[in-house]
Amino acid sequence: MKQLEEQIETKVRETGMLSGRSRVICGLSGGADSVFLFLFLKELSGKMGFALRALHVHHRIRGQEADEDAEYVRALCREQGVPLTIKYRDIPLEAKAKGLSYEEAGREARRECFLEEAEKWLCESSGAEEGIAVALAHHQNDLAESVLFRLARGSGVRGLSPMRDVTPLAERVLLVRPLLDVPRARIEESLLARGIRWREDSSNAGDEAARNRIRHRILPLLEEEVNEGAALHIARTARIAGELIDFVEAEAGKRAGKYLQAERISDKEEALFIREELIRCELPAMQQEILLLALQRALPGMKDVGSAHLHLLRELFEKESGKKLILPCNMAALRDYGGVRLMRRQSADSPGEEAPREVPLPVGGCCIFQKMRFFAELEEGTPVLYPEKRYTETMDYGTIKNTLVVRNRRKGDFLFLRKDGGRKSLSDYFTDEKVPRALRDQVIVIADGSEILWVVGMRLSGRCRITSDTRQALTITAELLQE
């Protein structure tokens, strides 16, 4: 069986999964696969010069049997002279608190324990530049079973590649799986040939769990009735799928800048705009990948985002402006002119009906509103020339009825498009001008009651434009305050 160890060592060296890793933590449950990996790494550490530690997580599920697993692991590490850490987690309690299955809670707990141990070891030798590898004993059958499980549950393409040889776990910490090409049978044969015993987890014997049924019934049936190399072929397909996913992800990263645009909605909030050219210019697979990238940027962690959200987000591009999709993490997607905007729900849901803060604009004086300073200068007579600038407007002071205020929009706001009438609601004006809904509440207006005299930077009301009958002209200038 020495040939098996040599085969795995060749893979470790060719993939470079332990390159630059001066320390390795081996997950050691006491089962055949983890015991084999532990002994392999112990021998390899002498050749490659890395330090080895073991970590065992006690789940508090199987009572005395679990205690005996811990004792077995302790004795094995003592015999091999390898430091061991045993962490105790109450998986039944954690599963109940988080609404997870025992399997899901256990997987989450083990990940946390590995990170804790890695961070602890990094702190012990903070001067070392090399990182840490966390080695897990997943093998070829584990990979094949996971692919079948995910396919049956309706997974997408990523479900075809549930495990990789190398996966980043944290800064300076890699998760490595040296045994992914090795069948379970060869691992057990190797241990038996060397007279090494291991612990059997009794929970793996029953068929209550779906994964156990795949392990005991479905995969063996495929090997017996379809192809004896079923597990091998499924695992190879998983590897090919992983390589294709890597390519598409890299290509999406290169193209995303053409379609994803960060926007500032307010001082404290940003949105991400997805241009609809993505749907017109890219093939479906690339659309999907860039939409996924957009969700990853807008929803860090993406714990509750699945393929259904991607499908609904894609469909949103086919709907009219104003349609909305509710997303996890208090986020929403809003169909807008030219694309879809991802933002926090309080922004997406804001109806603009509540009266925002307003500031009076005194004639002959100035005021400050939302990091802008406004000047209002009154001139007698009809001006022959007056500025035509985006942030300076001159209007007929005689048409103003009340005190001018600087504010954001309110329900009921309107403006006149022409001197002789042509009244339009501010909301309809924004729609005609294709002002993004997420930005409408940030637009500043000069208002006389509910009548908008100037949409700052955009349009002056037709009713207050200068004419030959103007007797007093009011010039309002807006300037951005310097930080």
Protein backbone atom coordinates (compact mmCIF):
# COMPACT_ATOMS: atom_id res chain seq x y z
CA MET A 1 0.00 0.00 0.00
CA LYS A 2 3.06 2.26 -0.08
CA GLN A 3 2.06 3.09 -3.64
CA LEU A 4 -1.08 4.84 -2.36
CA GLU A 5 0.89 7.14 -0.04
CA GLU A 6 3.32 7.93 -2.87
CA GLN A 7 0.40 8.78 -5.16
CA ILE A 8 -1.06 11.19 -2.60
CA GLU A 9 2.34 12.75 -1.90
CA THR A 10 2.81 13.38 -5.62
CA LYS A 11 -0.56 15.13 -5.73
CA VAL A 12 0.28 17.27 -2.68
CA ARG A 13 3.54 18.40 -4.26
CA GLU A 14 2.13 18.95 -7.77
CA THR A 15 -0.85 20.98 -6.56
CA GLY A 16 1.30 22.93 -4.11
CA MET A 17 -1.48 22.70 -1.52
CA LEU A 18 1.07 22.77 1.31
CA SER A 19 3.53 25.16 -0.33
CA GLY A 20 4.32 28.05 1.96
CA ARG A 21 2.59 26.30 4.87
CA SER A 22 4.96 25.72 7.77
CA ARG A 23 2.12 24.43 9.95
CA VAL A 24 -0.69 21.95 9.33
CA ILE A 25 -3.75 21.18 11.46
CA CYS A 26 -5.27 17.76 10.78
CA GLY A 27 -8.95 17.20 11.51
CA LEU A 28 -8.94 13.93 13.43
CA SER A 29 -12.30 12.32 14.18
CA GLY A 30 -10.96 8.81 14.74
CA GLY A 31 -12.63 7.37 11.63
CA ALA A 32 -10.63 5.47 9.02
CA ASP A 33 -10.21 8.37 6.60
CA SER A 34 -9.02 10.88 9.22
CA VAL A 35 -6.66 8.34 10.84
CA PHE A 36 -5.14 7.54 7.44
CA LEU A 37 -4.68 11.24 6.66
CA PHE A 38 -3.17 11.90 10.08
CA LEU A 39 -0.58 9.14 9.70
CA PHE A 40 0.19 10.23 6.14
CA LEU A 41 0.76 13.84 7.23
CA LYS A 42 2.92 12.69 10.15
CA GLU A 43 5.24 10.91 7.73
CA LEU A 44 5.11 13.75 5.19
CA SER A 45 5.95 16.36 7.83
CA GLY A 46 9.40 14.80 8.18
CA LYS A 47 9.98 15.16 4.43
CA MET A 48 8.50 18.62 3.89
CA GLY A 49 9.44 20.14 7.24
CA PHE A 50 6.06 21.42 8.42
CA ALA A 51 4.82 21.27 12.02
CA LEU A 52 1.74 19.10 12.61
CA ARG A 53 -1.10 19.39 15.10
CA ALA A 54 -4.39 17.53 15.38
CA LEU A 55 -7.85 18.81 16.27
CA HIS A 56 -10.78 16.69 17.47
CA VAL A 57 -14.28 18.14 17.92
CA HIS A 58 -16.50 16.38 20.47
CA HIS A 59 -20.15 16.97 19.43
CA ARG A 60 -21.79 15.77 22.66
CA ILE A 61 -24.16 13.57 20.63
CA ARG A 62 -23.23 9.91 21.07
CA GLY A 63 -22.50 9.84 24.80
CA GLN A 64 -19.94 7.24 25.87
CA GLU A 65 -19.13 6.36 22.27
CA ALA A 66 -18.06 9.96 21.59
CA ASP A 67 -15.98 9.95 24.80
CA GLU A 68 -14.24 6.80 23.61
CA ASP A 69 -13.54 8.44 20.23
CA ALA A 70 -11.80 11.27 22.08
CA GLU A 71 -9.74 8.82 24.14
CA TYR A 72 -8.73 6.93 21.01
CA VAL A 73 -7.59 10.13 19.33
CA ARG A 74 -5.73 11.21 22.44
CA ALA A 75 -3.85 7.90 22.59
CA LEU A 76 -3.02 7.99 18.87
CA CYS A 77 -1.56 11.50 19.07
CA ARG A 78 0.40 10.59 22.20
CA GLU A 79 1.86 7.57 20.40
CA GLN A 80 2.85 9.67 17.38
CA GLY A 81 4.11 12.62 19.42
CA VAL A 82 1.70 15.07 17.81
CA PRO A 83 0.06 17.89 19.84
CA LEU A 84 -3.73 17.51 20.08
CA THR A 85 -6.56 19.92 20.86
CA ILE A 86 -10.00 18.59 21.78
CA LYS A 87 -12.87 21.06 21.56
CA TYR A 88 -16.29 20.35 23.04
CA ARG A 89 -19.42 21.71 21.32
CA ASP A 90 -23.04 21.01 22.25
CA ILE A 91 -24.33 20.34 18.75
CA PRO A 92 -27.93 19.40 19.77
CA LEU A 93 -28.23 22.69 21.62
CA GLU A 94 -26.63 24.71 18.81
CA ALA A 95 -28.77 23.02 16.17
CA LYS A 96 -31.96 23.85 18.06
CA ALA A 97 -30.93 27.46 18.65
CA LYS A 98 -30.04 28.03 14.98
CA GLY A 99 -32.80 25.93 13.43
CA LEU A 100 -30.29 23.60 11.76
CA SER A 101 -29.95 19.86 11.41
CA TYR A 102 -27.31 18.13 13.52
CA GLU A 103 -25.23 17.66 10.37
CA GLU A 104 -25.39 21.36 9.43
CA ALA A 105 -24.70 22.54 12.98
CA GLY A 106 -21.80 20.11 13.31
CA ARG A 107 -20.25 21.27 10.05
CA GLU A 108 -20.56 24.90 11.12
CA ALA A 109 -19.09 24.16 14.56
CA ARG A 110 -16.12 22.27 13.11
CA ARG A 111 -15.34 25.15 10.77
CA GLU A 112 -15.39 27.57 13.70
CA CYS A 113 -13.13 25.27 15.74
CA PHE A 114 -10.61 24.96 12.91
CA LEU A 115 -10.48 28.74 12.51
CA GLU A 116 -10.05 29.25 16.25
CA GLU A 117 -7.17 26.77 16.38
CA ALA A 118 -5.52 28.29 13.30
CA GLU A 119 -5.78 31.82 14.68
CA LYS A 120 -4.41 30.65 18.03
CA TRP A 121 -1.41 29.02 16.34
CA LEU A 122 -0.79 32.10 14.18
CA CYS A 123 -0.73 34.26 17.31
CA GLU A 124 1.77 31.94 18.97
CA SER A 125 4.27 32.63 16.21
CA SER A 126 3.27 36.00 14.81
CA GLY A 127 6.67 36.54 13.28
CA ALA A 128 6.32 33.64 10.84
CA GLU A 129 5.36 34.62 7.30
CA GLU A 130 4.03 31.22 6.28
CA GLY A 131 0.38 30.43 6.72
CA ILE A 132 -1.48 27.42 8.09
CA ALA A 133 -3.20 24.57 6.27
CA VAL A 134 -6.23 22.85 7.76
CA ALA A 135 -6.26 19.31 6.33
CA LEU A 136 -9.54 17.37 6.08
CA ALA A 137 -9.94 13.73 5.08
CA HIS A 138 -12.76 13.97 2.53
CA HIS A 139 -12.21 11.27 -0.09
CA GLN A 140 -13.55 10.28 -3.51
CA ASN A 141 -16.74 8.67 -2.18
CA ASP A 142 -17.53 11.70 -0.02
CA LEU A 143 -17.26 13.88 -3.11
CA ALA A 144 -19.46 11.62 -5.25
CA GLU A 145 -22.08 11.34 -2.49
CA SER A 146 -22.18 15.14 -2.08
CA VAL A 147 -22.66 15.66 -5.82
CA LEU A 148 -25.58 13.19 -5.91
CA PHE A 149 -27.10 14.78 -2.80
CA ARG A 150 -26.94 18.27 -4.26
CA LEU A 151 -28.23 17.25 -7.67
CA ALA A 152 -31.20 15.52 -6.07
CA ARG A 153 -31.92 18.65 -4.03
CA GLY A 154 -31.96 20.85 -7.14
CA SER A 155 -28.51 22.41 -7.04
CA GLY A 156 -27.09 24.52 -9.87
CA VAL A 157 -23.74 24.08 -11.61
CA ARG A 158 -21.84 24.89 -8.42
CA GLY A 159 -23.47 21.86 -6.82
CA LEU A 160 -21.36 19.74 -9.15
CA SER A 161 -18.23 20.95 -7.39
CA PRO A 162 -18.99 20.87 -3.65
CA MET A 163 -15.41 20.15 -2.56
CA ARG A 164 -12.06 21.39 -3.83
CA ASP A 165 -8.48 20.29 -3.21
CA VAL A 166 -7.74 23.77 -1.87
CA THR A 167 -10.18 26.36 -0.49
CA PRO A 168 -9.30 29.66 1.27
CA LEU A 169 -10.64 29.55 4.83
CA ALA A 170 -9.34 32.86 6.17
CA GLU A 171 -6.38 35.17 5.73
CA ARG A 172 -3.23 33.00 5.80
CA VAL A 173 -5.38 29.88 6.35
CA LEU A 174 -6.11 27.29 3.64
CA LEU A 175 -8.41 24.30 3.82
CA VAL A 176 -6.85 21.36 1.94
CA ARG A 177 -8.20 17.92 1.03
CA PRO A 178 -5.34 15.62 -0.06
CA LEU A 179 -7.55 12.50 -0.37
CA LEU A 180 -10.23 13.65 -2.84
CA ASP A 181 -8.92 11.27 -5.51
CA VAL A 182 -8.78 8.26 -3.16
CA PRO A 183 -11.69 5.76 -2.81
CA ARG A 184 -12.82 4.88 0.70
CA ALA A 185 -12.05 1.18 0.10
CA ARG A 186 -8.37 1.84 -0.60
CA ILE A 187 -8.06 3.89 2.59
CA GLU A 188 -9.48 1.08 4.70
CA GLU A 189 -7.38 -1.55 2.90
CA SER A 190 -4.24 0.44 3.62
CA LEU A 191 -4.99 0.68 7.34
CA LEU A 192 -5.90 -3.00 7.63
CA ALA A 193 -2.70 -4.01 5.83
CA ARG A 194 -0.73 -2.08 8.45
CA GLY A 195 -2.74 -3.50 11.35
CA ILE A 196 -4.17 -0.12 12.30
CA ARG A 197 -7.64 0.01 13.86
CA TRP A 198 -9.99 2.97 13.76
CA ARG A 199 -13.27 4.12 15.29
CA GLU A 200 -16.64 3.61 13.59
CA ASP A 201 -19.29 6.29 14.07
CA SER A 202 -22.54 4.41 14.81
CA SER A 203 -24.60 7.31 13.43
CA ASN A 204 -23.23 6.46 9.97
CA ALA A 205 -24.69 2.94 10.12
CA GLY A 206 -28.39 3.85 9.94
CA ASP A 207 -30.32 5.10 6.93
CA GLU A 208 -32.26 7.88 8.63
CA ALA A 209 -30.07 10.61 7.10
CA ALA A 210 -30.32 11.25 3.35
CA ARG A 211 -26.55 11.13 2.91
CA ASN A 212 -26.42 7.71 4.57
CA ARG A 213 -29.03 6.39 2.14
CA ILE A 214 -26.93 7.65 -0.76
CA ARG A 215 -23.84 6.00 0.77
CA HIS A 216 -25.47 2.65 1.57
CA ARG A 217 -28.00 2.26 -1.23
CA ILE A 218 -27.83 4.66 -4.16
CA LEU A 219 -24.11 4.86 -4.92
CA PRO A 220 -23.56 1.09 -4.48
CA LEU A 221 -26.55 0.47 -6.80
CA LEU A 222 -25.03 2.74 -9.44
CA GLU A 223 -21.75 0.86 -9.16
CA GLU A 224 -23.47 -2.52 -9.38
CA GLU A 225 -26.11 -1.82 -12.03
CA VAL A 226 -24.67 1.04 -14.13
CA ASN A 227 -20.89 1.30 -13.90
CA GLU A 228 -18.47 0.02 -11.29
CA GLY A 229 -16.51 3.26 -11.62
CA ALA A 230 -19.53 5.47 -10.86
CA ALA A 231 -17.95 7.18 -7.85
CA LEU A 232 -14.73 7.80 -9.79
CA HIS A 233 -16.56 9.27 -12.78
CA ILE A 234 -18.80 11.48 -10.64
CA ALA A 235 -15.75 12.77 -8.78
CA ARG A 236 -13.96 13.50 -12.07
CA THR A 237 -17.01 15.40 -13.31
CA ALA A 238 -16.92 17.43 -10.09
CA ARG A 239 -13.29 18.34 -10.76
CA ILE A 240 -14.05 19.40 -14.37
CA ALA A 241 -17.04 21.43 -13.16
CA GLY A 242 -14.80 23.17 -10.63
CA GLU A 243 -12.32 24.12 -13.35
CA LEU A 244 -15.12 25.52 -15.54
CA ILE A 245 -16.55 27.47 -12.61
CA ASP A 246 -13.11 28.97 -11.94
CA PHE A 247 -12.87 30.08 -15.58
CA VAL A 248 -16.34 31.64 -15.65
CA GLU A 249 -15.72 33.41 -12.33
CA ALA A 250 -12.44 34.87 -13.61
CA GLU A 251 -14.04 36.00 -16.87
CA ALA A 252 -17.00 37.53 -15.02
CA GLY A 253 -14.59 39.48 -12.84
CA LYS A 254 -12.99 40.96 -15.96
CA ARG A 255 -16.33 41.94 -17.53
CA ALA A 256 -18.23 43.09 -14.44
CA GLY A 257 -16.92 46.66 -14.61
CA LYS A 258 -18.91 47.24 -17.80
CA TYR A 259 -22.20 46.41 -16.10
CA LEU A 260 -21.91 47.09 -12.35
CA GLN A 261 -21.77 50.65 -11.07
CA ALA A 262 -21.52 51.73 -7.42
CA GLU A 263 -23.75 54.71 -6.58
CA ARG A 264 -23.87 57.06 -3.62
CA ILE A 265 -27.47 57.42 -2.43
CA SER A 266 -26.74 59.41 0.74
CA ASP A 267 -23.86 60.23 3.06
CA LYS A 268 -24.08 56.81 4.69
CA GLU A 269 -25.55 54.62 1.99
CA GLU A 270 -24.56 53.20 -1.36
CA ALA A 271 -26.38 51.22 -4.01
CA LEU A 272 -25.19 48.98 -6.83
CA PHE A 273 -26.65 49.57 -10.28
CA ILE A 274 -26.71 46.69 -12.81
CA ARG A 275 -26.97 48.00 -16.37
CA GLU A 276 -29.47 46.24 -18.59
CA GLU A 277 -26.79 45.93 -21.31
CA LEU A 278 -25.70 42.85 -19.35
CA ILE A 279 -28.84 41.03 -20.51
CA ARG A 280 -28.48 42.15 -24.11
CA CYS A 281 -24.75 41.61 -24.55
CA GLU A 282 -23.83 38.48 -22.59
CA LEU A 283 -24.75 34.81 -22.85
CA PRO A 284 -26.98 33.39 -20.05
CA ALA A 285 -24.09 31.73 -18.19
CA MET A 286 -22.17 35.02 -18.01
CA GLN A 287 -25.33 36.93 -17.07
CA GLN A 288 -25.85 34.52 -14.18
CA GLU A 289 -22.27 34.85 -12.99
CA ILE A 290 -22.21 38.65 -13.07
CA LEU A 291 -25.58 38.82 -11.31
CA LEU A 292 -24.15 36.51 -8.66
CA LEU A 293 -21.13 38.79 -8.36
CA ALA A 294 -23.48 41.76 -7.93
CA LEU A 295 -25.35 39.98 -5.13
CA GLN A 296 -22.07 39.06 -3.45
CA ARG A 297 -21.07 42.73 -3.43
CA ALA A 298 -24.46 43.94 -2.22
CA LEU A 299 -25.09 41.12 0.26
CA PRO A 300 -21.83 40.21 2.04
CA GLY A 301 -21.99 36.62 3.24
CA MET A 302 -25.02 35.73 1.11
CA LYS A 303 -26.11 33.14 3.65
CA ASP A 304 -29.75 33.19 2.53
CA VAL A 305 -29.28 33.82 -1.20
CA GLY A 306 -29.93 30.91 -3.56
CA SER A 307 -30.47 30.15 -7.24
CA ALA A 308 -34.11 31.24 -6.91
CA HIS A 309 -32.98 34.78 -6.09
CA LEU A 310 -30.73 34.82 -9.15
CA HIS A 311 -33.61 33.64 -11.34
CA LEU A 312 -35.98 36.30 -9.98
CA LEU A 313 -33.31 38.99 -10.31
CA ARG A 314 -32.83 38.05 -13.97
CA GLU A 315 -36.61 38.19 -14.54
CA LEU A 316 -36.74 41.69 -13.05
CA PHE A 317 -34.99 43.06 -16.14
CA GLU A 318 -38.03 42.06 -18.22
CA LYS A 319 -40.45 44.07 -16.06
CA GLU A 320 -41.43 47.73 -16.13
CA SER A 321 -39.71 50.42 -14.11
CA GLY A 322 -40.76 50.50 -10.47
CA LYS A 323 -41.10 46.75 -9.97
CA LYS A 324 -39.26 45.41 -6.95
CA LEU A 325 -37.77 42.18 -5.63
CA ILE A 326 -37.28 41.64 -1.89
CA LEU A 327 -33.92 40.07 -1.03
CA PRO A 328 -32.41 38.72 2.20
CA CYS A 329 -30.33 40.91 4.56
CA ASN A 330 -32.89 43.76 4.37
CA MET A 331 -31.99 44.40 0.73
CA ALA A 332 -34.13 44.89 -2.36
CA ALA A 333 -33.70 45.02 -6.13
CA LEU A 334 -35.56 47.82 -7.93
CA ARG A 335 -36.20 47.91 -11.67
CA ASP A 336 -35.26 51.36 -12.88
CA TYR A 337 -34.43 53.14 -16.10
CA GLY A 338 -31.55 51.39 -17.79
CA GLY A 339 -31.21 48.51 -15.35
CA VAL A 340 -31.74 47.21 -11.82
CA ARG A 341 -30.57 48.81 -8.59
CA LEU A 342 -29.60 46.82 -5.47
CA MET A 343 -30.05 48.76 -2.22
CA ARG A 344 -31.24 48.60 1.35
CA ARG A 345 -34.98 48.10 1.66
CA GLN A 346 -35.66 51.28 3.60
CA SER A 347 -34.31 53.19 0.59
CA ALA A 348 -36.13 51.06 -1.96
CA ASP A 349 -39.40 51.23 -0.04
CA SER A 350 -39.24 54.94 0.72
CA PRO A 351 -42.40 56.51 -0.74
CA GLY A 352 -41.22 60.07 -0.28
CA GLU A 353 -44.51 61.01 1.37
CA GLU A 354 -43.20 62.15 4.74
CA ALA A 355 -42.19 65.80 4.87
CA PRO A 356 -38.39 66.06 5.01
CA ARG A 357 -36.51 68.83 6.71
CA GLU A 358 -36.63 72.20 4.97
CA VAL A 359 -34.68 75.47 5.25
CA PRO A 360 -36.08 78.95 4.46
CA LEU A 361 -34.20 80.87 1.75
CA PRO A 362 -34.18 84.59 2.65
CA VAL A 363 -34.15 87.07 -0.20
CA GLY A 364 -30.83 88.89 -0.10
CA GLY A 365 -29.34 86.21 2.12
CA CYS A 366 -28.19 82.59 2.06
CA CYS A 367 -28.87 79.21 3.66
CA ILE A 368 -27.25 75.79 3.85
CA PHE A 369 -29.02 72.53 3.02
CA GLN A 370 -27.49 69.06 2.55
CA LYS A 371 -23.90 70.24 2.04
CA MET A 372 -24.93 72.99 -0.39
CA ARG A 373 -25.04 76.78 0.16
CA PHE A 374 -27.79 78.78 -1.55
CA PHE A 375 -27.61 82.54 -2.27
CA ALA A 376 -30.70 84.60 -3.25
CA GLU A 377 -29.97 88.03 -4.76
CA LEU A 378 -32.80 90.42 -5.74
CA GLU A 379 -32.37 92.85 -8.66
CA GLU A 380 -34.80 95.61 -9.61
CA GLY A 381 -36.05 95.80 -13.16
CA THR A 382 -35.89 93.39 -16.05
CA PRO A 383 -32.43 91.91 -16.44
CA VAL A 384 -30.99 92.20 -19.92
CA LEU A 385 -28.54 89.36 -19.33
CA TYR A 386 -28.66 86.72 -16.66
CA PRO A 387 -26.60 83.60 -16.03
CA GLU A 388 -27.55 80.39 -17.82
CA LYS A 389 -25.79 77.85 -15.66
CA ARG A 390 -26.82 74.51 -14.22
CA TYR A 391 -26.56 75.70 -10.63
CA THR A 392 -27.63 79.31 -11.11
CA GLU A 393 -31.17 80.35 -12.09
CA THR A 394 -32.86 83.74 -12.41
CA MET A 395 -36.63 83.93 -11.97
CA ASP A 396 -39.45 86.49 -11.97
CA TYR A 397 -39.78 87.46 -8.29
CA GLY A 398 -43.32 88.76 -8.91
CA THR A 399 -44.61 85.22 -9.49
CA ILE A 400 -43.55 84.04 -6.04
CA LYS A 401 -46.45 83.91 -3.58
CA ASN A 402 -44.92 82.72 -0.31
CA THR A 403 -41.58 82.32 1.44
CA LEU A 404 -39.12 80.25 -0.53
CA VAL A 405 -37.72 77.11 1.06
CA VAL A 406 -34.98 74.68 0.13
CA ARG A 407 -35.97 71.06 0.68
CA ASN A 408 -36.42 67.60 -0.82
CA ARG A 409 -39.58 66.44 -2.55
CA ARG A 410 -42.94 65.90 -0.85
CA LYS A 411 -46.17 64.24 -1.85
CA GLY A 412 -48.24 66.67 -3.93
CA ASP A 413 -45.31 68.63 -5.37
CA PHE A 414 -45.80 69.98 -8.90
CA LEU A 415 -44.23 72.38 -11.38
CA PHE A 416 -45.30 74.30 -14.47
CA LEU A 417 -43.58 73.34 -17.70
CA ARG A 418 -44.78 76.47 -19.56
CA LYS A 419 -45.55 80.06 -18.67
CA ASP A 420 -49.21 79.68 -19.62
CA GLY A 421 -49.83 76.42 -17.75
CA GLY A 422 -48.85 72.84 -18.46
CA ARG A 423 -48.72 71.76 -14.83
CA LYS A 424 -47.14 68.39 -14.04
CA SER A 425 -46.55 66.51 -10.83
CA LEU A 426 -42.93 66.35 -9.72
CA SER A 427 -43.20 62.56 -9.64
CA ASP A 428 -44.26 62.45 -13.31
CA TYR A 429 -41.50 64.89 -14.21
CA PHE A 430 -38.93 62.59 -12.57
CA THR A 431 -40.43 59.68 -14.51
CA ASP A 432 -40.20 61.54 -17.82
CA GLU A 433 -36.62 62.56 -17.09
CA LYS A 434 -35.74 59.00 -16.02
CA VAL A 435 -34.47 60.07 -12.61
CA PRO A 436 -33.68 56.83 -10.70
CA ARG A 437 -36.25 56.16 -8.00
CA ALA A 438 -33.55 55.55 -5.43
CA LEU A 439 -32.19 59.07 -5.99
CA ARG A 440 -35.43 61.05 -6.15
CA ASP A 441 -35.58 61.71 -2.42
CA GLN A 442 -32.10 63.25 -2.56
CA VAL A 443 -32.90 65.77 -5.32
CA ILE A 444 -33.01 69.33 -3.90
CA VAL A 445 -35.78 71.73 -4.93
CA ILE A 446 -36.62 75.40 -4.39
CA ALA A 447 -40.27 75.44 -3.43
CA ASP A 448 -43.06 77.96 -2.98
CA GLY A 449 -45.54 75.86 -1.00
CA SER A 450 -46.20 72.74 -3.10
CA GLU A 451 -45.14 74.52 -6.28
CA ILE A 452 -41.59 73.71 -7.34
CA LEU A 453 -39.85 76.74 -8.81
CA TRP A 454 -36.52 75.09 -9.46
CA VAL A 455 -35.45 71.46 -9.52
CA VAL A 456 -31.86 72.29 -8.66
CA GLY A 457 -29.47 71.38 -11.43
CA MET A 458 -32.32 70.27 -13.71
CA ARG A 459 -35.25 72.59 -14.56
CA LEU A 460 -36.75 75.99 -13.78
CA SER A 461 -40.54 76.28 -13.57
CA GLY A 462 -42.04 77.71 -16.74
CA ARG A 463 -44.32 80.02 -14.72
CA CYS A 464 -41.52 82.02 -13.12
CA ARG A 465 -39.33 82.55 -16.16
CA ILE A 466 -38.11 86.08 -16.96
CA THR A 467 -40.27 88.05 -19.46
CA SER A 468 -40.51 91.64 -20.63
CA ASP A 469 -43.07 92.20 -17.85
CA THR A 470 -40.64 91.20 -15.08
CA ARG A 471 -40.09 94.05 -12.58
CA GLN A 472 -37.90 92.23 -10.07
CA ALA A 473 -35.51 89.34 -10.81
CA LEU A 474 -34.33 86.88 -8.19
CA THR A 475 -31.10 85.02 -8.92
CA ILE A 476 -30.46 81.87 -6.87
CA THR A 477 -27.02 80.26 -6.88
CA ALA A 478 -26.20 76.85 -5.46
CA GLU A 479 -22.67 75.85 -4.59
CA LEU A 480 -21.26 72.72 -3.04
CA LEU A 481 -19.66 73.20 0.37
CA GLN A 482 -16.05 72.10 0.62
CA GLU A 483 -15.34 69.23 3.01
